[in-house]
């Protein structure tokens, strides 16, 4: 279920929204042994968007935006199914029915030109990050691969895009993005913490053949 409303006042446009999502998963597998499982959960995903026109550039409005949103990354059914799949006498694979989805909360302030973010500052907070892991079965001492929630991550980013003249129907863009990731988690009951950052640079070209037909490279 999804609801979104919009209101314009004093040059600002406010769009709050809310999504309600109910998940009901039933797995039934009884051969060679019963590995049936059931997952039921209900989640809320709020969204708030505030924008305002700033000024015109090349006959296009520069628009300032502030965004808050919550999103989900769901594990696949194979990640959840606890059925044992033997690789050899030393290793087997199994799903984890207790695996939780991964949630990300995003905060961003940006400036857009022709619906393209040309300047952005943001933060992503991700919890319950899940990944493929290898453990050892305490009873058989056999290694097994499964999926588990390992920790949380905070990402800070800055992105910019600049257009190189000429403008009008043809645009040549260059841009860059700086990311800093701070990871905090546990793996096999031991801390797993690290921080890394770096730059990514890119460019692309756009040709507007008609108002409704564009080509991008």
N, C-alpha and C. Protein backbone atom coordinates (compact mmCIF):
# COMPACT_ATOMS: atom_id res chain seq x y z
N UNK A 1 0.85 -1.18 0.00
CA UNK A 1 0.00 0.00 0.00
C UNK A 1 0.88 1.22 0.00
N UNK A 2 0.56 2.19 -0.88
CA UNK A 2 1.41 3.37 -1.01
C UNK A 2 0.54 4.61 -1.07
N UNK A 3 0.96 5.66 -0.37
CA UNK A 3 0.25 6.93 -0.37
C UNK A 3 1.25 8.06 -0.48
N UNK A 4 1.00 8.99 -1.41
CA UNK A 4 1.85 10.17 -1.54
C UNK A 4 0.98 11.38 -1.81
N UNK A 5 1.29 12.49 -1.18
CA UNK A 5 0.57 13.74 -1.41
C UNK A 5 1.59 14.81 -1.77
N UNK A 6 1.11 15.92 -2.34
CA UNK A 6 1.99 17.01 -2.74
C UNK A 6 1.31 18.34 -2.42
N UNK A 7 2.13 19.30 -1.97
CA UNK A 7 1.63 20.63 -1.64
C UNK A 7 2.67 21.66 -2.02
N UNK A 8 2.24 22.72 -2.72
CA UNK A 8 3.13 23.81 -3.09
C UNK A 8 2.79 25.06 -2.28
N UNK A 9 3.81 25.68 -1.70
CA UNK A 9 3.60 26.87 -0.88
C UNK A 9 4.87 27.72 -0.91
N UNK A 10 4.70 29.04 -1.12
CA UNK A 10 5.80 30.00 -1.11
C UNK A 10 6.96 29.56 -2.02
N UNK A 11 6.64 28.94 -3.15
CA UNK A 11 7.66 28.50 -4.08
C UNK A 11 8.26 27.14 -3.80
N UNK A 12 7.91 26.53 -2.68
CA UNK A 12 8.39 25.20 -2.32
C UNK A 12 7.35 24.14 -2.71
N UNK A 13 7.84 22.96 -3.07
CA UNK A 13 6.97 21.81 -3.32
C UNK A 13 7.33 20.71 -2.33
N UNK A 14 6.37 20.29 -1.53
CA UNK A 14 6.58 19.25 -0.52
C UNK A 14 5.81 18.00 -0.93
N UNK A 15 6.52 16.86 -0.97
CA UNK A 15 5.90 15.58 -1.32
C UNK A 15 6.25 14.54 -0.26
N UNK A 16 5.43 14.35 0.75
CA UNK A 16 5.64 13.25 1.69
C UNK A 16 4.91 12.00 1.20
N UNK A 17 5.46 10.84 1.52
CA UNK A 17 4.85 9.58 1.11
C UNK A 17 5.14 8.49 2.13
N UNK A 18 4.36 7.43 2.06
CA UNK A 18 4.53 6.31 2.98
C UNK A 18 4.10 5.03 2.28
N UNK A 19 4.95 3.99 2.37
CA UNK A 19 4.62 2.68 1.80
C UNK A 19 4.56 1.65 2.91
N UNK A 20 3.51 0.87 2.94
CA UNK A 20 3.34 -0.22 3.89
C UNK A 20 3.46 -1.53 3.13
N UNK A 21 4.38 -2.39 3.57
CA UNK A 21 4.66 -3.63 2.83
C UNK A 21 4.59 -4.82 3.78
N UNK A 22 3.78 -5.78 3.42
CA UNK A 22 3.65 -7.01 4.20
C UNK A 22 4.20 -8.18 3.39
N UNK A 23 5.08 -8.95 4.03
CA UNK A 23 5.72 -10.10 3.37
C UNK A 23 5.28 -11.38 4.05
N UNK A 24 4.89 -12.36 3.24
CA UNK A 24 4.46 -13.66 3.76
C UNK A 24 5.09 -14.74 2.90
N UNK A 25 6.10 -15.43 3.45
CA UNK A 25 6.82 -16.47 2.71
C UNK A 25 6.61 -17.81 3.40
N UNK A 26 6.21 -18.80 2.64
CA UNK A 26 6.07 -20.16 3.16
C UNK A 26 6.87 -21.11 2.27
N UNK A 27 7.86 -21.76 2.86
CA UNK A 27 8.65 -22.74 2.12
C UNK A 27 8.33 -24.15 2.60
N UNK A 28 8.05 -25.05 1.67
CA UNK A 28 7.70 -26.43 2.01
C UNK A 28 8.60 -27.40 1.27
N UNK A 29 9.48 -28.05 2.02
CA UNK A 29 10.37 -29.05 1.44
C UNK A 29 10.58 -30.13 2.50
N UNK A 30 10.17 -31.34 2.21
CA UNK A 30 10.19 -32.42 3.22
C UNK A 30 11.09 -33.58 2.83
N UNK A 31 11.75 -33.53 1.65
CA UNK A 31 12.64 -34.59 1.20
C UNK A 31 14.02 -34.00 0.98
N UNK A 32 15.09 -34.57 1.50
CA UNK A 32 15.18 -35.82 2.28
C UNK A 32 14.78 -35.64 3.74
N UNK A 33 14.65 -34.38 4.22
CA UNK A 33 14.12 -34.16 5.55
C UNK A 33 13.37 -32.83 5.54
N UNK A 34 12.59 -32.61 6.56
CA UNK A 34 11.73 -31.43 6.59
C UNK A 34 12.56 -30.16 6.83
N UNK A 35 12.60 -29.29 5.83
CA UNK A 35 13.26 -28.00 5.97
C UNK A 35 12.27 -26.87 5.66
N UNK A 36 11.01 -27.10 5.98
CA UNK A 36 9.99 -26.07 5.75
C UNK A 36 10.22 -24.88 6.68
N UNK A 37 9.85 -23.70 6.21
CA UNK A 37 10.01 -22.50 7.03
C UNK A 37 8.96 -21.48 6.64
N UNK A 38 8.75 -20.51 7.52
CA UNK A 38 7.75 -19.47 7.29
C UNK A 38 8.30 -18.13 7.79
N UNK A 39 8.08 -17.08 7.00
CA UNK A 39 8.51 -15.73 7.36
C UNK A 39 7.35 -14.78 7.15
N UNK A 40 7.00 -14.03 8.16
CA UNK A 40 5.95 -13.02 8.08
C UNK A 40 6.48 -11.73 8.69
N UNK A 41 6.38 -10.62 7.95
CA UNK A 41 6.86 -9.36 8.46
C UNK A 41 6.10 -8.21 7.79
N UNK A 42 6.04 -7.09 8.48
CA UNK A 42 5.43 -5.88 7.96
C UNK A 42 6.40 -4.72 8.16
N UNK A 43 6.62 -3.93 7.11
CA UNK A 43 7.60 -2.85 7.15
C UNK A 43 7.00 -1.56 6.62
N UNK A 44 7.47 -0.44 7.17
CA UNK A 44 7.07 0.90 6.73
C UNK A 44 8.25 1.59 6.06
N UNK A 45 7.96 2.30 4.97
CA UNK A 45 9.00 3.01 4.22
C UNK A 45 8.55 4.45 4.00
N UNK A 46 9.00 5.37 4.85
CA UNK A 46 8.65 6.78 4.66
C UNK A 46 9.50 7.44 3.59
N UNK A 47 8.97 8.53 3.06
CA UNK A 47 9.64 9.27 1.99
C UNK A 47 9.23 10.74 2.11
N UNK A 48 10.20 11.66 2.09
CA UNK A 48 9.91 13.09 2.12
C UNK A 48 10.79 13.77 1.08
N UNK A 49 10.15 14.62 0.27
CA UNK A 49 10.85 15.31 -0.82
C UNK A 49 10.44 16.78 -0.78
N UNK A 50 11.43 17.68 -0.70
CA UNK A 50 11.18 19.11 -0.68
C UNK A 50 12.02 19.76 -1.77
N UNK A 51 11.40 20.57 -2.64
CA UNK A 51 12.14 21.17 -3.76
C UNK A 51 11.74 22.63 -3.93
N UNK A 52 12.64 23.36 -4.59
CA UNK A 52 12.38 24.78 -4.91
C UNK A 52 13.21 25.18 -6.11
N UNK A 53 12.61 25.91 -7.05
CA UNK A 53 13.36 26.44 -8.18
C UNK A 53 14.34 27.51 -7.70
N UNK A 54 15.59 27.47 -8.23
CA UNK A 54 16.61 28.42 -7.81
C UNK A 54 16.78 29.54 -8.83
N UNK A 55 17.32 29.23 -10.01
CA UNK A 55 17.46 30.22 -11.09
C UNK A 55 17.66 29.47 -12.39
N UNK A 56 17.62 30.19 -13.52
CA UNK A 56 17.72 29.55 -14.83
C UNK A 56 19.16 29.59 -15.34
N UNK A 57 19.52 28.51 -16.04
CA UNK A 57 20.83 28.38 -16.67
C UNK A 57 20.63 27.69 -18.01
N UNK A 58 21.08 28.30 -19.11
CA UNK A 58 20.82 27.77 -20.46
C UNK A 58 19.32 27.51 -20.66
N UNK A 59 18.49 28.44 -20.18
CA UNK A 59 17.04 28.39 -20.32
C UNK A 59 16.40 27.23 -19.57
N UNK A 60 17.16 26.60 -18.66
CA UNK A 60 16.64 25.51 -17.85
C UNK A 60 16.74 25.92 -16.38
N UNK A 61 15.75 25.50 -15.59
CA UNK A 61 15.73 25.83 -14.18
C UNK A 61 16.71 24.95 -13.39
N UNK A 62 17.48 25.58 -12.53
CA UNK A 62 18.21 24.85 -11.50
C UNK A 62 17.27 24.68 -10.31
N UNK A 63 17.13 23.44 -9.84
CA UNK A 63 16.17 23.12 -8.79
C UNK A 63 16.91 22.55 -7.58
N UNK A 64 16.64 23.09 -6.41
CA UNK A 64 17.21 22.55 -5.17
C UNK A 64 16.27 21.55 -4.54
N UNK A 65 16.81 20.41 -4.08
CA UNK A 65 15.99 19.33 -3.52
C UNK A 65 16.60 18.82 -2.22
N UNK A 66 15.73 18.45 -1.30
CA UNK A 66 16.13 17.75 -0.08
C UNK A 66 15.28 16.49 -0.01
N UNK A 67 15.94 15.32 0.20
CA UNK A 67 15.24 14.03 0.11
C UNK A 67 15.57 13.17 1.32
N UNK A 68 14.55 12.53 1.84
CA UNK A 68 14.72 11.50 2.87
C UNK A 68 13.92 10.28 2.44
N UNK A 69 14.54 9.10 2.47
CA UNK A 69 13.82 7.89 2.06
C UNK A 69 14.43 6.66 2.72
N UNK A 70 13.61 5.64 2.85
CA UNK A 70 14.05 4.35 3.40
C UNK A 70 13.76 3.27 2.38
N UNK A 71 14.72 2.39 2.13
CA UNK A 71 14.57 1.34 1.12
C UNK A 71 14.99 0.00 1.69
N UNK A 72 14.73 -1.06 0.94
CA UNK A 72 14.98 -2.42 1.40
C UNK A 72 15.66 -3.23 0.30
N UNK A 73 16.55 -4.11 0.70
CA UNK A 73 17.12 -5.14 -0.18
C UNK A 73 16.76 -6.48 0.43
N UNK A 74 16.00 -7.28 -0.30
CA UNK A 74 15.48 -8.53 0.23
C UNK A 74 16.37 -9.71 -0.17
N UNK A 75 16.56 -10.67 0.71
CA UNK A 75 17.27 -11.89 0.31
C UNK A 75 16.41 -12.72 -0.63
N UNK A 76 17.05 -13.44 -1.54
CA UNK A 76 16.34 -14.35 -2.43
C UNK A 76 15.86 -15.58 -1.67
N UNK A 77 14.95 -16.31 -2.27
CA UNK A 77 14.44 -17.52 -1.62
C UNK A 77 15.56 -18.52 -1.35
N UNK A 78 16.52 -18.62 -2.28
CA UNK A 78 17.63 -19.56 -2.09
C UNK A 78 18.49 -19.17 -0.88
N UNK A 79 18.55 -17.87 -0.56
CA UNK A 79 19.31 -17.43 0.62
C UNK A 79 18.64 -17.85 1.91
N UNK A 80 17.33 -18.11 1.87
CA UNK A 80 16.54 -18.42 3.06
C UNK A 80 16.32 -19.92 3.27
N UNK A 81 16.25 -20.69 2.19
CA UNK A 81 15.90 -22.11 2.25
C UNK A 81 16.97 -22.91 3.01
N UNK A 82 16.61 -23.52 4.16
CA UNK A 82 17.61 -24.22 4.99
C UNK A 82 17.98 -25.61 4.48
N UNK A 83 17.52 -26.00 3.30
CA UNK A 83 17.87 -27.31 2.74
C UNK A 83 19.40 -27.42 2.57
N UNK A 84 19.96 -28.58 2.89
CA UNK A 84 21.41 -28.80 2.80
C UNK A 84 21.78 -29.29 1.40
N UNK A 85 22.73 -28.62 0.77
CA UNK A 85 23.22 -29.01 -0.56
C UNK A 85 24.70 -29.35 -0.42
N UNK A 86 25.01 -30.64 -0.49
CA UNK A 86 26.38 -31.09 -0.25
C UNK A 86 27.23 -30.89 -1.51
N UNK A 87 28.37 -30.20 -1.32
CA UNK A 87 29.33 -29.99 -2.40
C UNK A 87 30.28 -31.19 -2.48
N UNK A 88 30.83 -31.58 -1.34
CA UNK A 88 31.67 -32.78 -1.20
C UNK A 88 31.64 -33.17 0.27
N UNK A 89 32.51 -34.10 0.67
CA UNK A 89 32.48 -34.57 2.06
C UNK A 89 32.99 -33.54 3.06
N UNK A 90 33.52 -32.43 2.56
CA UNK A 90 34.06 -31.41 3.45
C UNK A 90 33.25 -30.11 3.47
N UNK A 91 32.25 -30.00 2.61
CA UNK A 91 31.57 -28.71 2.48
C UNK A 91 30.13 -28.91 2.02
N UNK A 92 29.22 -28.13 2.61
CA UNK A 92 27.85 -28.08 2.12
C UNK A 92 27.33 -26.64 2.17
N UNK A 93 26.25 -26.39 1.44
CA UNK A 93 25.61 -25.07 1.40
C UNK A 93 24.22 -25.16 2.00
N UNK A 94 23.79 -24.10 2.65
CA UNK A 94 22.45 -24.06 3.22
C UNK A 94 22.01 -22.61 3.33
N UNK A 95 20.71 -22.39 3.24
CA UNK A 95 20.16 -21.06 3.43
C UNK A 95 19.94 -20.77 4.90
N UNK A 96 19.58 -19.54 5.21
CA UNK A 96 19.37 -19.10 6.58
C UNK A 96 17.98 -18.48 6.70
N UNK A 97 17.00 -19.24 7.24
CA UNK A 97 15.63 -18.69 7.35
C UNK A 97 15.54 -17.53 8.33
N UNK A 98 16.57 -17.33 9.16
CA UNK A 98 16.57 -16.20 10.11
C UNK A 98 17.22 -14.95 9.52
N UNK A 99 17.60 -15.02 8.25
CA UNK A 99 18.25 -13.89 7.59
C UNK A 99 17.28 -12.71 7.48
N UNK A 100 17.72 -11.55 7.92
CA UNK A 100 16.88 -10.36 7.87
C UNK A 100 17.17 -9.54 6.61
N UNK A 101 16.19 -8.80 6.11
CA UNK A 101 16.46 -7.92 4.97
C UNK A 101 17.43 -6.81 5.35
N UNK A 102 17.98 -6.20 4.34
CA UNK A 102 18.93 -5.10 4.52
C UNK A 102 18.19 -3.78 4.27
N UNK A 103 18.25 -2.86 5.24
CA UNK A 103 17.54 -1.59 5.14
C UNK A 103 18.54 -0.45 5.00
N UNK A 104 18.22 0.50 4.11
CA UNK A 104 19.05 1.68 3.90
C UNK A 104 18.21 2.94 4.05
N UNK A 105 18.70 3.87 4.87
CA UNK A 105 18.08 5.18 5.01
C UNK A 105 18.99 6.20 4.33
N UNK A 106 18.39 6.97 3.41
CA UNK A 106 19.15 7.92 2.60
C UNK A 106 18.73 9.35 2.92
N UNK A 107 19.73 10.21 3.13
CA UNK A 107 19.51 11.64 3.28
C UNK A 107 20.32 12.33 2.19
N UNK A 108 19.68 13.19 1.40
CA UNK A 108 20.41 13.84 0.32
C UNK A 108 19.90 15.24 0.07
N UNK A 109 20.83 16.15 -0.19
CA UNK A 109 20.52 17.49 -0.68
C UNK A 109 21.22 17.64 -2.02
N UNK A 110 20.47 18.07 -3.04
CA UNK A 110 21.07 18.17 -4.36
C UNK A 110 20.51 19.35 -5.14
N UNK A 111 21.21 19.67 -6.20
CA UNK A 111 20.76 20.67 -7.17
C UNK A 111 20.69 19.97 -8.51
N UNK A 112 19.53 20.08 -9.20
CA UNK A 112 19.35 19.40 -10.48
C UNK A 112 19.23 20.41 -11.61
N UNK A 113 19.74 20.01 -12.78
CA UNK A 113 19.62 20.79 -14.01
C UNK A 113 19.02 19.87 -15.06
N UNK A 114 17.84 20.19 -15.54
CA UNK A 114 17.15 19.34 -16.52
C UNK A 114 16.99 17.92 -15.97
N UNK A 115 16.62 17.83 -14.67
CA UNK A 115 16.39 16.57 -13.95
C UNK A 115 17.68 15.76 -13.74
N UNK A 116 18.84 16.37 -13.94
CA UNK A 116 20.12 15.71 -13.71
C UNK A 116 20.76 16.31 -12.46
N UNK A 117 21.08 15.51 -11.43
CA UNK A 117 21.74 16.06 -10.24
C UNK A 117 23.16 16.54 -10.58
N UNK A 118 23.38 17.85 -10.51
CA UNK A 118 24.70 18.39 -10.85
C UNK A 118 25.55 18.62 -9.60
N UNK A 119 24.92 18.64 -8.44
CA UNK A 119 25.64 18.80 -7.18
C UNK A 119 24.85 18.09 -6.09
N UNK A 120 25.49 17.15 -5.39
CA UNK A 120 24.78 16.35 -4.39
C UNK A 120 25.66 16.12 -3.17
N UNK A 121 25.03 16.19 -2.02
CA UNK A 121 25.65 15.79 -0.76
C UNK A 121 24.70 14.79 -0.11
N UNK A 122 25.22 13.68 0.39
CA UNK A 122 24.31 12.69 0.93
C UNK A 122 24.94 11.76 1.94
N UNK A 123 24.06 10.99 2.56
CA UNK A 123 24.47 10.01 3.56
C UNK A 123 23.55 8.81 3.45
N UNK A 124 24.14 7.62 3.41
CA UNK A 124 23.41 6.36 3.44
C UNK A 124 23.74 5.61 4.72
N UNK A 125 22.72 5.22 5.45
CA UNK A 125 22.90 4.40 6.65
C UNK A 125 22.25 3.05 6.40
N UNK A 126 23.06 2.00 6.33
CA UNK A 126 22.58 0.66 6.02
C UNK A 126 22.77 -0.25 7.23
N UNK A 127 21.71 -0.98 7.59
CA UNK A 127 21.77 -1.91 8.72
C UNK A 127 21.44 -3.32 8.23
N UNK A 128 21.85 -4.31 9.04
CA UNK A 128 21.58 -5.73 8.75
C UNK A 128 22.13 -6.13 7.39
N UNK A 129 23.35 -5.68 7.06
CA UNK A 129 23.96 -6.06 5.79
C UNK A 129 24.16 -7.58 5.76
N UNK A 130 23.66 -8.23 4.70
CA UNK A 130 23.83 -9.67 4.60
C UNK A 130 24.80 -10.02 3.48
N UNK A 131 25.51 -11.14 3.71
CA UNK A 131 26.54 -11.55 2.77
C UNK A 131 26.75 -13.06 2.89
N UNK A 132 27.39 -13.62 1.87
CA UNK A 132 27.77 -15.03 1.90
C UNK A 132 28.89 -15.24 2.90
N UNK A 133 28.77 -16.25 3.78
CA UNK A 133 29.76 -16.51 4.82
C UNK A 133 30.06 -18.00 4.87
N UNK A 134 31.16 -18.35 5.50
CA UNK A 134 31.56 -19.74 5.72
C UNK A 134 31.74 -19.99 7.20
N UNK A 135 31.05 -20.98 7.73
CA UNK A 135 31.15 -21.37 9.13
C UNK A 135 31.53 -22.85 9.21
N UNK A 136 31.65 -23.35 10.46
CA UNK A 136 31.91 -24.77 10.66
C UNK A 136 30.81 -25.36 11.53
N UNK A 137 30.28 -26.51 11.10
CA UNK A 137 29.26 -27.22 11.86
C UNK A 137 29.90 -27.78 13.14
N UNK A 138 29.35 -27.37 14.31
CA UNK A 138 29.95 -27.78 15.58
C UNK A 138 29.89 -29.29 15.81
N UNK A 139 28.85 -29.95 15.30
CA UNK A 139 28.68 -31.38 15.55
C UNK A 139 29.50 -32.24 14.60
N UNK A 140 29.52 -31.89 13.31
CA UNK A 140 30.21 -32.71 12.32
C UNK A 140 31.60 -32.17 11.96
N UNK A 141 31.89 -30.92 12.35
CA UNK A 141 33.14 -30.25 12.02
C UNK A 141 33.31 -30.04 10.51
N UNK A 142 32.20 -30.11 9.78
CA UNK A 142 32.23 -29.87 8.34
C UNK A 142 31.96 -28.39 8.08
N UNK A 143 32.69 -27.80 7.15
CA UNK A 143 32.47 -26.41 6.80
C UNK A 143 31.19 -26.27 5.98
N UNK A 144 30.52 -25.15 6.15
CA UNK A 144 29.33 -24.91 5.34
C UNK A 144 29.23 -23.43 4.99
N UNK A 145 28.66 -23.18 3.82
CA UNK A 145 28.46 -21.82 3.34
C UNK A 145 26.99 -21.46 3.49
N UNK A 146 26.74 -20.24 3.98
CA UNK A 146 25.38 -19.78 4.16
C UNK A 146 25.37 -18.26 4.04
N UNK A 147 24.30 -17.62 4.49
CA UNK A 147 24.19 -16.17 4.46
C UNK A 147 23.88 -15.68 5.87
N UNK A 148 24.44 -14.51 6.23
CA UNK A 148 24.23 -14.00 7.57
C UNK A 148 24.27 -12.47 7.54
N UNK A 149 23.61 -11.87 8.54
CA UNK A 149 23.66 -10.42 8.72
C UNK A 149 24.91 -10.07 9.50
N UNK A 150 25.78 -9.26 8.91
CA UNK A 150 27.11 -9.04 9.48
C UNK A 150 27.29 -7.70 10.17
N UNK A 151 26.51 -6.69 9.84
CA UNK A 151 26.77 -5.41 10.49
C UNK A 151 26.07 -4.26 9.80
N UNK A 152 26.64 -3.08 9.94
CA UNK A 152 26.05 -1.86 9.40
C UNK A 152 27.12 -1.04 8.70
N UNK A 153 26.69 -0.14 7.84
CA UNK A 153 27.62 0.68 7.08
C UNK A 153 27.07 2.11 6.98
N UNK A 154 27.95 3.08 7.13
CA UNK A 154 27.60 4.48 6.92
C UNK A 154 28.41 5.00 5.73
N UNK A 155 27.71 5.50 4.73
CA UNK A 155 28.36 6.03 3.53
C UNK A 155 28.09 7.53 3.43
N UNK A 156 29.14 8.31 3.33
CA UNK A 156 29.05 9.74 3.07
C UNK A 156 29.52 9.99 1.64
N UNK A 157 28.81 10.80 0.88
CA UNK A 157 29.20 11.00 -0.51
C UNK A 157 28.97 12.44 -0.96
N UNK A 158 29.74 12.82 -1.94
CA UNK A 158 29.65 14.13 -2.59
C UNK A 158 29.79 13.89 -4.08
N UNK A 159 28.88 14.46 -4.88
CA UNK A 159 28.88 14.22 -6.33
C UNK A 159 28.68 15.55 -7.06
N UNK A 160 29.40 15.70 -8.17
CA UNK A 160 29.22 16.91 -8.98
C UNK A 160 29.27 16.55 -10.45
N UNK A 161 28.57 17.33 -11.25
CA UNK A 161 28.59 17.19 -12.71
C UNK A 161 28.65 18.59 -13.30
N UNK A 162 29.52 18.78 -14.28
CA UNK A 162 29.64 20.08 -14.95
C UNK A 162 29.48 19.88 -16.45
N UNK A 163 28.76 20.78 -17.08
CA UNK A 163 28.58 20.73 -18.53
C UNK A 163 29.60 21.61 -19.23
N UNK A 164 30.19 21.09 -20.29
CA UNK A 164 31.17 21.85 -21.06
C UNK A 164 30.47 22.39 -22.31
N UNK A 165 30.52 23.69 -22.57
CA UNK A 165 29.82 24.25 -23.74
C UNK A 165 30.26 23.55 -25.02
N UNK A 166 29.47 23.49 -26.09
CA UNK A 166 28.23 24.25 -26.22
C UNK A 166 27.04 23.59 -25.52
N UNK A 167 26.01 24.40 -25.26
CA UNK A 167 24.80 23.88 -24.67
C UNK A 167 23.72 23.69 -25.71
N UNK A 168 22.49 23.87 -25.31
CA UNK A 168 21.39 23.71 -26.25
C UNK A 168 21.05 22.26 -26.47
N UNK A 169 21.17 21.79 -27.74
CA UNK A 169 20.80 20.42 -28.05
C UNK A 169 21.89 19.41 -27.71
N UNK A 170 23.12 19.88 -27.64
CA UNK A 170 24.23 18.96 -27.35
C UNK A 170 24.92 19.37 -26.06
N UNK A 171 25.11 18.39 -25.16
CA UNK A 171 25.80 18.64 -23.91
C UNK A 171 26.89 17.59 -23.71
N UNK A 172 28.03 18.06 -23.21
CA UNK A 172 29.12 17.17 -22.82
C UNK A 172 29.34 17.37 -21.33
N UNK A 173 29.20 16.29 -20.55
CA UNK A 173 29.27 16.39 -19.10
C UNK A 173 30.51 15.66 -18.57
N UNK A 174 31.12 16.24 -17.56
CA UNK A 174 32.16 15.56 -16.79
C UNK A 174 31.76 15.64 -15.32
N UNK A 175 32.12 14.63 -14.57
CA UNK A 175 31.70 14.62 -13.17
C UNK A 175 32.59 13.75 -12.32
N UNK A 176 32.35 13.82 -11.03
CA UNK A 176 33.10 13.01 -10.08
C UNK A 176 32.25 12.72 -8.85
N UNK A 177 32.64 11.69 -8.14
CA UNK A 177 31.95 11.31 -6.91
C UNK A 177 32.97 10.85 -5.88
N UNK A 178 32.85 11.41 -4.68
CA UNK A 178 33.70 11.00 -3.57
C UNK A 178 32.86 10.23 -2.56
N UNK A 179 33.35 9.07 -2.14
CA UNK A 179 32.65 8.22 -1.18
C UNK A 179 33.56 7.92 0.00
N UNK A 180 32.97 7.93 1.19
CA UNK A 180 33.64 7.41 2.38
C UNK A 180 32.71 6.41 3.04
N UNK A 181 33.18 5.18 3.22
CA UNK A 181 32.39 4.12 3.82
C UNK A 181 33.00 3.71 5.16
N UNK A 182 32.15 3.64 6.16
CA UNK A 182 32.57 3.22 7.51
C UNK A 182 31.76 1.98 7.87
N UNK A 183 32.43 0.82 7.93
CA UNK A 183 31.76 -0.45 8.17
C UNK A 183 32.02 -0.90 9.60
N UNK A 184 30.96 -1.38 10.26
CA UNK A 184 31.07 -1.82 11.65
C UNK A 184 30.24 -3.10 11.80
N UNK A 185 30.90 -4.23 12.03
CA UNK A 185 30.15 -5.48 12.12
C UNK A 185 30.92 -6.55 12.87
N UNK A 186 30.37 -7.79 12.82
CA UNK A 186 30.98 -8.95 13.46
C UNK A 186 30.96 -10.12 12.48
N UNK A 187 32.03 -10.89 12.48
CA UNK A 187 32.10 -12.12 11.68
C UNK A 187 32.74 -13.20 12.55
N UNK A 188 32.00 -14.29 12.77
CA UNK A 188 32.45 -15.38 13.64
C UNK A 188 32.84 -14.84 15.02
N UNK A 189 31.97 -13.97 15.55
CA UNK A 189 32.11 -13.39 16.90
C UNK A 189 33.35 -12.51 17.06
N UNK A 190 33.89 -12.04 15.95
CA UNK A 190 35.04 -11.13 16.01
C UNK A 190 34.69 -9.83 15.29
N UNK A 191 35.19 -8.69 15.81
CA UNK A 191 34.88 -7.41 15.18
C UNK A 191 35.37 -7.35 13.74
N UNK A 192 34.56 -6.76 12.88
CA UNK A 192 34.92 -6.55 11.49
C UNK A 192 34.67 -5.08 11.18
N UNK A 193 35.71 -4.28 11.33
CA UNK A 193 35.59 -2.84 11.18
C UNK A 193 36.63 -2.32 10.20
N UNK A 194 36.19 -1.45 9.32
CA UNK A 194 37.15 -0.81 8.43
C UNK A 194 36.51 0.45 7.83
N UNK A 195 37.36 1.34 7.34
CA UNK A 195 36.94 2.57 6.66
C UNK A 195 37.72 2.69 5.36
N UNK A 196 37.01 3.01 4.30
CA UNK A 196 37.71 3.26 3.04
C UNK A 196 37.01 4.39 2.29
N UNK A 197 37.77 5.10 1.47
CA UNK A 197 37.21 6.18 0.69
C UNK A 197 37.90 6.23 -0.67
N UNK A 198 37.32 7.00 -1.57
CA UNK A 198 37.92 7.09 -2.90
C UNK A 198 37.07 7.93 -3.83
N UNK A 199 37.68 8.25 -4.97
CA UNK A 199 37.04 9.06 -6.00
C UNK A 199 36.69 8.21 -7.21
N UNK A 200 35.61 8.56 -7.85
CA UNK A 200 35.23 8.01 -9.16
C UNK A 200 34.96 9.18 -10.10
N UNK A 201 35.57 9.14 -11.29
CA UNK A 201 35.36 10.20 -12.27
C UNK A 201 34.69 9.60 -13.51
N UNK A 202 33.85 10.38 -14.15
CA UNK A 202 33.08 9.87 -15.29
C UNK A 202 32.75 11.02 -16.23
N UNK A 203 32.27 10.67 -17.41
CA UNK A 203 31.79 11.67 -18.37
C UNK A 203 30.74 11.02 -19.25
N UNK A 204 29.86 11.85 -19.80
CA UNK A 204 28.90 11.35 -20.77
C UNK A 204 28.42 12.50 -21.65
N UNK A 205 27.83 12.15 -22.77
CA UNK A 205 27.35 13.12 -23.75
C UNK A 205 25.87 12.91 -24.00
N UNK A 206 25.17 14.00 -24.27
CA UNK A 206 23.73 13.94 -24.50
C UNK A 206 23.38 14.78 -25.73
N UNK A 207 22.58 14.19 -26.60
CA UNK A 207 22.10 14.88 -27.79
C UNK A 207 20.58 14.87 -27.77
N UNK A 208 19.98 16.06 -27.73
CA UNK A 208 18.52 16.19 -27.71
C UNK A 208 18.04 16.41 -29.14
N UNK A 209 17.59 15.32 -29.76
CA UNK A 209 17.13 15.41 -31.14
C UNK A 209 15.78 16.10 -31.22
N UNK A 210 14.89 15.75 -30.32
CA UNK A 210 13.58 16.41 -30.19
C UNK A 210 13.30 16.57 -28.69
N UNK A 211 12.28 17.33 -28.32
CA UNK A 211 11.98 17.47 -26.88
C UNK A 211 11.70 16.15 -26.17
N UNK A 212 11.30 15.12 -26.91
CA UNK A 212 10.97 13.84 -26.28
C UNK A 212 11.90 12.68 -26.69
N UNK A 213 12.95 12.98 -27.48
CA UNK A 213 13.85 11.94 -27.95
C UNK A 213 15.29 12.38 -27.73
N UNK A 214 15.98 11.73 -26.76
CA UNK A 214 17.36 12.06 -26.42
C UNK A 214 18.26 10.86 -26.62
N UNK A 215 19.51 11.14 -26.93
CA UNK A 215 20.53 10.08 -27.03
C UNK A 215 21.62 10.37 -26.03
N UNK A 216 22.05 9.34 -25.29
CA UNK A 216 23.11 9.48 -24.28
C UNK A 216 24.21 8.47 -24.51
N UNK A 217 25.44 8.90 -24.32
CA UNK A 217 26.61 8.01 -24.39
C UNK A 217 27.41 8.21 -23.11
